[in-house]
Amino acid sequence: MKGRYDDENLKWIPILIIAVYLSPFLLKSATFSYKYYLYILNMAGIYMILTVGLDLLSGFTGLMSLGHAAFLAIGAYTSAILVDQAGLPFELSLIITPVIVGLCGLMIGFPALRIEGMYLGLTTMGFGFIVKRLIIAFRDWTGGSAGLQVSKATLFGFTISNDWNNYFMIYTFAIIAIIVARRIVKSKLGRVFMAIRDSEQAAQASGINIAKYKMLSFFISGMFAGFAGVLFAHTNHFISTDHFDILLSVYFIVMVLVGGVGSIYGAVLGTLFIVLMENMFIPLFKDTLTQYMHLEAGDFQAFIFGLIMLLFIIFQPMGLYGMWLKMRIYWKLFPFNPRKRFT
C-alpha cells in the first residue's frame, strides 16, 4: 500500500508532456527570436538525457564521474563517423553508438572496483584527457583539433533540417530516456544500485555481486551519454575538441546537484535550470559583473557554477526537486501545523 506522502501521483505527467510539445508554438507566437530559444531548449533536452544517466551512476549507485563530457564526445564522433564516413543510416547509429559508448563505460568501470570517491573522480577525469588526445591523434577520421562537419539527421526518410524539427525529435527521445530511467530505478536493478550506494558491505553481505553491478551502472550511464552524443552531433552539425572540455563534465555534475542527487526528475529540473540560466539570465549581467570583478568570461562562468553549487549544498542539499516535494507536503498538511513536520 502506498504511503500518504509517497511520490507516485503522476497524473500531472501527461499534462507536462503536452506542454513540452506545445512550447515551440508558444515561443513562435511570443517572440521573433524563437529560433535562438529553440536551440537552447534543444541543448537542454540533449543534456537531460545525459544527466539522467549520470544520476543513475552518481545519484543512485554513488559512483563519482568527471568524464561524462568524454562519453558525450565518443558518442558524437562515433555517430558522425558511422553516418558520414561509413554510410550507415542514422537510425542504425542511434542503436550502435550508445552500445559502443556503454562498452567504453565498462572499461572505466574497472577502476571503480578498486577505488571510490575523489580517486574515482580523478580517474574518470583522466579518461576525458585521454579521449581528447585520441580525437586529435585520429585526425584522418575526426578532423583533429580543427573539428568535423556533421550531416543532418534523417529519421525514417524524413530529414531533420532545422531546430524546429530537432526539438520534437530530441524531446521525444528525452521523454523515452526519462521513462526508461524511472523504470530502472523502480526495478530490482535500481534497488541494487541504491543498496551499493548506501553500504557496499551490507549489499555484499546480502549476496549482491558488487563488481557486476558497478560495471553495469557505468555501462548504462555510458549508453545514455552515447545517445545524447548522437543527438549533439547531428543537432550542432559541427563538433570539435573545444566542445568537450573538463568544465563540461563539471557542468553536468552541477546540474545533478542543483536538481537533486538521486532523483530522475531532479536531473531534468537541474539541467533545465542551469542551461536556461547560463544562456538567458547570466548574459544580462555578464558584461557588468566581469568588468566589476575583473574576471574573464570563462572564469566568470566557473565562478557562477561554483557559487550555485555551494549555495545549494549549504541551503538546499536536496535540490530543486527536494524543494518541490517539501512544498507539496507543506500544502498537503496546511493548516495543521505544517512546520512541525520538518523539525
Foldseek 3Di string as FASTA:
>chain_A
DDDPLDPPPCPCVVVVVVCLLCVLVVLVVPDPVSQVVLLLVLLLLLLLLLLLLVLLQCQQQNAAALQLLLLLVQLQLVLQCCCVPVPDALVVSLVPQLQVLLVVLLVLLVVVVPDGDPVSHVSSQVVNVVSLVVLQVVCVRAVHQVWDFGAAHADPNRTQDGSSSLSVVSNVVSVVSLVVSVVCCPDPLSVLSNVNNVPVVVSVVVVDPSSVSSSVSSSSSSSSSSSSSSSVNNHVRIDGSVSRHSVVSVVSVLLCQQLFRNDSVSSSVSSVVSSCCVPPPCVVCVVVVCVVVVHDSVVVSVVVSVVSNVCCVPPPRRHPVVVVSLVVQLVVCPPVPSVVVVD
